[in-house]
Protein backbone atom coordinates (compact mmCIF):
# COMPACT_ATOMS: atom_id res chain seq x y z
CA MET A 1 -64.72 88.49 118.61
CA ASN A 2 -65.57 91.75 116.85
CA LEU A 3 -62.35 92.89 115.24
CA LYS A 4 -63.66 96.34 114.37
CA LYS A 5 -63.81 97.34 118.05
CA GLY A 6 -60.48 98.61 119.27
CA PHE A 7 -58.81 97.70 116.00
CA PRO A 8 -55.08 98.50 116.24
CA LYS A 9 -53.50 101.01 113.93
CA VAL A 10 -50.96 98.41 112.90
CA PHE A 11 -52.57 95.06 112.17
CA TYR A 12 -51.63 91.70 110.75
CA TYR A 13 -53.86 90.09 108.15
CA HIS A 14 -53.27 86.56 109.43
CA ASP A 15 -54.56 87.60 112.87
CA ILE A 16 -57.74 88.97 111.28
CA LEU A 17 -58.28 85.74 109.38
CA ASN A 18 -57.89 83.59 112.47
CA TYR A 19 -60.82 85.30 114.22
CA MET A 20 -63.08 86.44 111.37
CA ARG A 21 -66.81 85.72 111.71
CA VAL A 22 -69.07 86.64 108.79
CA LEU A 23 -72.84 86.67 108.32
CA PHE A 24 -74.21 86.06 104.83
CA VAL A 25 -77.44 87.98 104.20
CA CYS A 26 -79.15 86.60 101.12
CA SER A 27 -82.57 85.91 99.65
CA GLY A 28 -84.52 82.99 101.01
CA ASN A 29 -87.33 83.39 98.49
CA ASN A 30 -86.20 80.81 95.94
CA LYS A 31 -88.83 78.06 96.05
CA ASP A 32 -86.56 75.59 94.28
CA PHE A 33 -83.35 76.01 96.28
CA GLY A 34 -83.92 78.08 99.45
CA ILE A 35 -80.48 79.66 99.61
CA VAL A 36 -79.26 79.48 96.03
CA PRO A 37 -76.45 76.93 95.62
CA PHE A 38 -73.68 79.29 94.47
CA ILE A 39 -74.08 81.45 97.59
CA LYS A 40 -74.02 78.42 99.87
CA ASP A 41 -71.01 77.03 98.01
CA GLN A 42 -69.19 80.33 98.40
CA GLY A 43 -69.84 80.34 102.13
CA GLU A 44 -68.56 76.81 102.50
CA SER A 45 -65.42 77.66 100.52
CA LEU A 46 -64.70 80.54 102.91
CA LYS A 47 -64.87 78.15 105.84
CA SER A 48 -61.93 76.31 104.33
CA GLU A 49 -60.02 79.61 104.60
CA GLY A 50 -60.67 79.77 108.33
CA VAL A 51 -63.69 82.09 108.18
CA THR A 52 -66.76 81.24 110.26
CA VAL A 53 -69.85 81.79 108.08
CA ASP A 54 -73.49 81.91 109.21
CA TYR A 55 -76.52 82.49 106.97
CA TYR A 56 -79.46 84.87 107.34
CA PRO A 57 -81.96 84.15 104.54
CA VAL A 58 -84.36 87.03 103.87
CA VAL A 59 -87.95 86.05 103.14
CA GLY A 60 -89.99 88.98 101.84
CA LYS A 61 -91.38 90.64 98.75
CA GLY A 62 -90.61 94.05 97.31
CA LEU A 63 -88.51 96.81 98.79
CA MET A 64 -90.62 97.14 101.94
CA GLY A 65 -90.29 93.42 102.59
CA TYR A 66 -86.51 93.79 102.65
CA VAL A 67 -86.71 96.95 104.79
CA LYS A 68 -88.82 95.11 107.38
CA ALA A 69 -86.32 92.25 107.24
CA GLY A 70 -83.62 94.77 108.15
CA PHE A 71 -85.28 95.50 111.49
CA ARG A 72 -85.72 91.78 112.13
CA LEU A 73 -82.03 91.37 111.38
CA ARG A 74 -81.17 94.09 113.89
CA ARG A 75 -83.00 92.15 116.59
CA PHE A 76 -81.27 88.95 115.47
CA LEU A 77 -77.85 90.61 115.75
CA HIS A 78 -78.45 91.85 119.30
CA GLY A 79 -75.89 90.19 121.54
CA LYS A 80 -74.14 88.47 118.63
CA GLN A 81 -70.61 89.19 117.46
CA TYR A 82 -69.95 89.41 113.73
CA ASP A 83 -66.96 91.13 112.20
CA LEU A 84 -68.59 91.65 108.83
CA ILE A 85 -71.85 91.15 106.94
CA HIS A 86 -71.70 89.99 103.32
CA ALA A 87 -74.93 90.85 101.51
CA HIS A 88 -75.77 89.19 98.21
CA PHE A 89 -77.94 91.33 95.88
CA THR A 90 -78.76 95.03 96.39
CA TYR A 91 -82.06 94.53 98.24
CA CYS A 92 -80.25 92.32 100.76
CA GLY A 93 -77.63 95.06 101.01
CA TRP A 94 -80.27 97.45 102.33
CA THR A 95 -81.47 94.78 104.75
CA ALA A 96 -77.90 94.35 105.97
CA LEU A 97 -77.31 98.08 106.41
CA ILE A 98 -80.49 98.51 108.44
CA GLY A 99 -79.58 95.50 110.55
CA ALA A 100 -75.96 96.51 111.05
CA GLY A 101 -76.80 100.07 112.06
CA ARG A 102 -73.27 101.29 111.21
CA LYS A 103 -71.83 98.95 113.84
CA ILE A 104 -70.67 96.24 111.43
CA PRO A 105 -69.06 96.75 108.00
CA VAL A 106 -71.15 95.51 105.08
CA VAL A 107 -69.73 94.04 101.86
CA LEU A 108 -72.18 93.95 98.95
CA SER A 109 -72.07 91.47 96.07
CA LEU A 110 -73.85 92.66 92.94
CA MET A 111 -75.41 89.83 90.94
CA GLY A 112 -76.24 91.51 87.63
CA THR A 113 -79.96 92.20 87.47
CA ASP A 114 -79.71 94.40 90.56
CA ALA A 115 -77.15 96.62 88.86
CA ASN A 116 -78.15 96.41 85.19
CA GLY A 117 -81.84 95.54 85.39
CA GLU A 118 -83.73 92.46 84.24
CA TYR A 119 -83.80 91.95 80.48
CA LYS A 120 -86.78 90.71 78.47
CA GLY A 121 -85.09 91.04 75.08
CA ASN A 122 -81.94 92.25 73.38
CA ASN A 123 -81.31 95.67 75.00
CA LYS A 124 -84.86 95.64 76.42
CA VAL A 125 -85.02 96.16 80.18
CA VAL A 126 -88.06 95.35 82.33
CA LEU A 127 -89.23 98.75 83.57
CA LYS A 128 -89.86 97.78 87.20
CA SER A 129 -86.34 96.34 87.49
CA LYS A 130 -84.92 99.85 87.09
CA LEU A 131 -85.74 100.39 90.77
CA SER A 132 -83.01 97.88 91.62
CA SER A 133 -80.55 99.85 89.50
CA LEU A 134 -81.47 103.04 91.36
CA LEU A 135 -81.08 101.34 94.73
CA THR A 136 -77.68 100.02 93.61
CA TRP A 137 -76.63 103.60 92.87
CA LEU A 138 -77.94 104.89 96.20
CA ILE A 139 -76.40 102.20 98.43
CA GLN A 140 -72.78 102.67 97.39
CA PRO A 141 -71.71 105.37 99.90
CA PHE A 142 -72.84 103.23 102.83
CA VAL A 143 -71.18 99.86 102.18
CA SER A 144 -67.52 99.08 102.85
CA ALA A 145 -66.84 97.22 99.60
CA ILE A 146 -68.68 96.19 96.44
CA ILE A 147 -67.93 92.90 94.70
CA SER A 148 -69.08 92.71 91.08
CA LYS A 149 -69.15 89.36 89.32
CA SER A 150 -68.00 90.83 86.00
CA VAL A 151 -66.81 93.99 84.27
CA ASN A 152 -70.24 94.85 82.88
CA ILE A 153 -71.68 94.81 86.40
CA SER A 154 -68.82 96.88 87.83
CA ALA A 155 -69.63 99.62 85.30
CA SER A 156 -72.54 100.50 87.61
CA VAL A 157 -70.18 101.12 90.54
CA TYR A 158 -69.17 104.78 90.76
CA ARG A 159 -67.43 104.40 94.14
CA ARG A 160 -64.40 102.98 92.38
CA GLN A 161 -62.22 102.78 95.50
CA LYS A 162 -64.67 100.22 96.88
CA SER A 163 -64.96 98.19 93.69
CA PHE A 164 -63.64 94.64 93.25
CA ILE A 165 -64.32 92.27 90.36
CA ILE A 166 -64.52 88.68 91.59
CA PRO A 167 -66.54 86.09 89.66
CA ASN A 168 -68.00 83.15 91.54
CA GLY A 169 -65.64 80.21 91.71
CA VAL A 170 -66.23 76.63 90.58
CA ASP A 171 -65.98 73.59 92.82
CA LEU A 172 -63.57 71.51 90.74
CA GLN A 173 -64.16 68.47 92.93
CA LYS A 174 -67.85 68.56 92.08
CA PHE A 175 -67.69 69.75 88.47
CA LYS A 176 -65.26 67.51 86.65
CA PRO A 177 -65.15 65.23 83.60
CA LEU A 178 -66.72 61.83 84.24
CA SER A 179 -65.98 58.61 82.45
CA PRO A 180 -68.89 56.78 80.77
CA GLU A 181 -68.81 54.32 83.66
CA GLU A 182 -69.22 57.12 86.23
CA ARG A 183 -72.27 58.67 84.57
CA ASN A 184 -75.60 57.53 85.95
CA GLY A 185 -77.74 57.76 82.82
CA HIS A 186 -80.02 60.73 83.53
CA LEU A 187 -80.81 60.91 79.83
CA VAL A 188 -82.57 58.25 77.81
CA ALA A 189 -80.52 57.11 74.82
CA SER A 190 -82.21 58.33 71.63
CA GLY A 191 -79.39 58.11 69.12
CA LYS A 192 -79.44 61.90 68.74
CA ILE A 193 -76.95 64.61 69.67
CA LYS A 194 -78.09 66.17 72.95
CA ALA A 195 -78.09 69.97 73.41
CA LEU A 196 -78.71 71.16 76.98
CA PHE A 197 -80.62 74.28 78.04
CA LEU A 198 -80.53 74.61 81.84
CA GLY A 199 -82.43 77.88 82.33
CA SER A 200 -86.12 78.49 82.90
CA ARG A 201 -88.10 78.10 79.68
CA THR A 202 -90.62 80.72 80.83
CA LYS A 203 -88.22 83.45 82.01
CA ALA A 204 -87.90 85.91 79.13
CA GLY A 205 -84.32 86.89 79.92
CA LYS A 206 -83.07 83.32 79.50
CA ASN A 207 -84.26 83.39 75.85
CA PHE A 208 -85.35 79.76 75.43
CA PRO A 209 -86.95 80.54 72.02
CA LEU A 210 -83.48 81.15 70.53
CA ALA A 211 -82.30 77.70 71.62
CA GLN A 212 -85.46 76.18 70.12
CA ALA A 213 -85.09 78.06 66.84
CA ALA A 214 -81.40 77.20 66.55
CA VAL A 215 -81.84 73.43 66.82
CA GLN A 216 -84.65 73.60 64.26
CA GLN A 217 -82.33 75.01 61.60
CA PRO A 218 -81.54 72.85 58.54
CA GLY A 219 -78.69 70.44 59.22
CA LEU A 220 -79.45 70.00 62.93
CA GLU A 221 -82.23 67.44 62.60
CA HIS A 222 -80.01 65.03 64.52
CA VAL A 223 -79.90 67.37 67.56
CA GLU A 224 -82.32 66.93 70.47
CA LEU A 225 -82.93 69.87 72.84
CA ILE A 226 -82.97 68.92 76.54
CA ALA A 227 -84.52 71.46 78.96
CA PRO A 228 -84.86 69.83 82.42
CA TYR A 229 -85.32 72.97 84.59
CA PRO A 230 -85.66 72.99 87.56
CA VAL A 231 -82.66 70.78 88.28
CA THR A 232 -80.97 70.24 91.63
CA HIS A 233 -77.43 71.57 91.76
CA GLU A 234 -76.22 68.06 92.59
CA ASP A 235 -77.53 66.79 89.25
CA ILE A 236 -76.00 69.49 87.04
CA PRO A 237 -72.53 67.83 86.79
CA TRP A 238 -74.22 64.68 85.47
CA TYR A 239 -76.11 66.58 82.80
CA LEU A 240 -73.00 68.51 81.72
CA ASN A 241 -71.14 65.23 81.30
CA GLU A 242 -73.93 63.40 79.47
CA VAL A 243 -74.89 66.02 76.87
CA ASP A 244 -72.95 66.95 73.73
CA VAL A 245 -73.22 70.75 74.00
CA LEU A 246 -74.55 73.39 76.41
CA LEU A 247 -76.70 76.16 74.90
CA PHE A 248 -76.76 79.51 76.71
CA PRO A 249 -78.82 82.07 74.74
CA SER A 250 -79.43 84.68 77.51
CA PHE A 251 -80.08 88.35 76.80
CA MET A 252 -78.04 89.61 79.78
CA GLU A 253 -75.80 88.05 82.44
CA GLY A 254 -72.99 88.96 84.76
CA SER A 255 -70.72 85.97 85.24
CA PRO A 256 -72.99 82.96 84.65
CA ASN A 257 -72.03 80.06 86.87
CA VAL A 258 -73.18 77.35 84.48
CA ILE A 259 -70.67 78.49 81.85
CA LYS A 260 -67.80 77.98 84.28
CA GLU A 261 -69.28 74.72 85.51
CA ALA A 262 -69.57 73.44 81.93
CA MET A 263 -65.98 74.47 81.25
CA ALA A 264 -64.87 72.55 84.35
CA CYS A 265 -66.63 69.45 82.95
CA ASN A 266 -65.02 69.96 79.50
CA CYS A 267 -68.50 70.35 77.98
CA PRO A 268 -68.76 72.13 74.59
CA ILE A 269 -70.61 75.47 74.81
CA VAL A 270 -72.47 77.84 72.51
CA SER A 271 -73.51 81.09 74.21
CA THR A 272 -74.57 84.60 73.37
CA ASP A 273 -71.92 87.22 74.12
CA VAL A 274 -73.17 88.28 77.54
CA GLY A 275 -71.36 89.24 80.74
CA ASP A 276 -67.89 87.72 80.97
CA VAL A 277 -68.68 84.68 78.81
CA LYS A 278 -66.31 85.58 75.97
CA TRP A 279 -63.47 86.09 78.45
CA VAL A 280 -64.16 82.81 80.26
CA LEU A 281 -64.35 80.82 77.02
CA GLY A 282 -61.24 82.45 75.57
CA ASP A 283 -59.96 80.52 72.55
CA THR A 284 -61.07 77.13 73.88
CA PRO A 285 -61.87 74.89 70.87
CA GLY A 286 -65.48 73.72 71.03
CA CYS A 287 -66.67 76.77 72.99
CA TYR A 288 -68.09 79.73 71.04
CA THR A 289 -70.16 82.88 71.34
CA ALA A 290 -72.93 83.55 68.83
CA SER A 291 -75.31 86.35 67.93
CA PHE A 292 -79.05 86.38 68.62
CA ASP A 293 -79.68 85.16 65.07
CA PRO A 294 -80.86 81.49 65.12
CA LYS A 295 -78.89 80.72 61.96
CA ASP A 296 -75.62 81.98 63.45
CA PHE A 297 -76.34 80.18 66.73
CA ALA A 298 -76.96 76.96 64.78
CA GLU A 299 -73.72 77.38 62.85
CA LYS A 300 -71.80 77.66 66.13
CA ILE A 301 -73.50 74.50 67.42
CA THR A 302 -72.36 72.69 64.28
CA LEU A 303 -68.83 74.06 64.72
CA ALA A 304 -68.68 73.04 68.40
CA LEU A 305 -69.76 69.50 67.58
CA HIS A 306 -67.35 69.28 64.65
CA VAL A 307 -64.32 70.60 66.56
CA THR A 308 -64.80 68.31 69.54
CA GLY A 309 -65.16 65.38 67.14
CA ALA A 310 -65.38 61.79 68.27
CA ASN A 311 -64.23 62.60 71.82
CA GLY A 312 -67.00 65.17 72.21
CA ARG A 313 -65.11 67.09 74.89
CA THR A 314 -63.13 70.31 75.24
CA ASN A 315 -60.16 71.47 77.31
CA GLY A 316 -62.25 74.03 79.19
CA ARG A 317 -61.25 72.80 82.63
CA GLN A 318 -57.68 73.94 82.10
CA ARG A 319 -58.95 77.39 81.10
CA ILE A 320 -60.81 77.68 84.43
CA ILE A 321 -57.65 76.73 86.31
CA ASP A 322 -55.53 79.18 84.31
CA LEU A 323 -57.97 82.03 85.07
CA GLY A 324 -57.95 81.27 88.79
CA LEU A 325 -61.70 80.62 88.82
CA ASP A 326 -61.54 77.54 91.02
CA MET A 327 -63.44 77.98 94.27
CA ASP A 328 -60.38 77.93 96.52
CA THR A 329 -58.59 80.72 94.64
CA VAL A 330 -61.74 82.86 94.55
CA ALA A 331 -62.26 82.33 98.29
CA LYS A 332 -58.82 83.78 98.99
CA ARG A 333 -59.67 86.87 96.94
CA ILE A 334 -62.94 87.37 98.82
CA VAL A 335 -61.16 87.04 102.16
CA ASP A 336 -58.75 89.72 100.96
CA VAL A 337 -61.72 92.07 100.46
CA TYR A 338 -63.02 91.22 103.94
CA LYS A 339 -59.69 92.14 105.49
CA LYS A 340 -59.62 95.50 103.75
CA SER A 341 -63.23 96.20 104.70
CA ILE A 342 -62.63 95.48 108.37
CA ALA A 343 -59.47 97.56 108.34
CA GLY A 344 -61.16 100.36 106.40
CA SER A 345 -58.42 100.32 103.77
CA TYR A 346 -58.62 100.08 99.98
CA GLU A 347 -54.99 100.45 99.08
CA TYR A 348 -54.97 98.10 96.12
CA SER A 349 -57.26 96.04 93.94
CA CYS A 350 -57.42 92.33 94.76
CA VAL A 351 -58.07 91.37 91.13
CA PRO A 352 -55.02 90.96 88.89
CA GLU A 353 -55.47 92.49 85.45
CA SER A 354 -55.29 89.02 83.88
CA HIS A 355 -58.45 88.10 85.81
CA VAL A 356 -60.55 90.88 84.32
CA ASN A 357 -62.43 90.69 81.04
CA PRO A 358 -61.19 93.79 79.15
CA ALA A 359 -64.37 93.91 77.05
């Protein structure tokens, strides 16, 4: 059922929810994951809210690849009934708009690099990534709503009446503290403190050299750096439970999922102050932001390990619950945006002020 056709002037949100069918348009270019796990997880969480979700992975390179995918999507949509398309990343937004042809409302999720560019250093943006920023600026009049993962991403949204800040949620059933008996021993016992870096060692924006330099500082000889990328999403909870601290030295992020996942596992964290990390960590003992100076980063590692002490764990999971960043709560907020998009109304923001990083 397409709810947009013949939509009554007076409507009831629970009726919309009962019949809502949504198509996720997202990249299918990731060689490690296909559809990236957090997008698939978000779709599955919406199903628990009564929304039917299908997936349309886009395989293509460059802007023209996504434009061509838009015409393929239009053919795919012929004869099908979707109430809304949710596009993830700006390029997929253009694919969705071409495919929808103004017949279906499109909600766009901005991921970070599409809005702010890809970073290769502190305040150093990769030149070719500025095209994504331009396309993010140009697409805004044509989509029904724009979901930003964090405040720093939403700063790129000038169509403020369409803007919603909703970080990705965490599956608290999947990411949770495990007892020593429940862990399956991914890591070989070495007698050293284990610091985990989960990003790509070769991707400049993830800043692996800072993690390396930090653990090589005097006083951290007992710390071993673990960098297992690529890792299946199913294995990440095990790593977060087996290591002593997560290191996150990125140059730029929006709302990094691994930070929230580590918090849900009560894993100590040391991160650069990027995206909404400082807001997510709050005042949680054992979780700290650091500068890009290896010495300062090392000092925060020492502090995190000292504060968590013999137990080696934090109370980060409670912080995630308090912020409403569990997957079920986030799904409800996304559905709220869908309802407004279908109805063509933006009467109020779906993000309480307490859920927004004021920085």
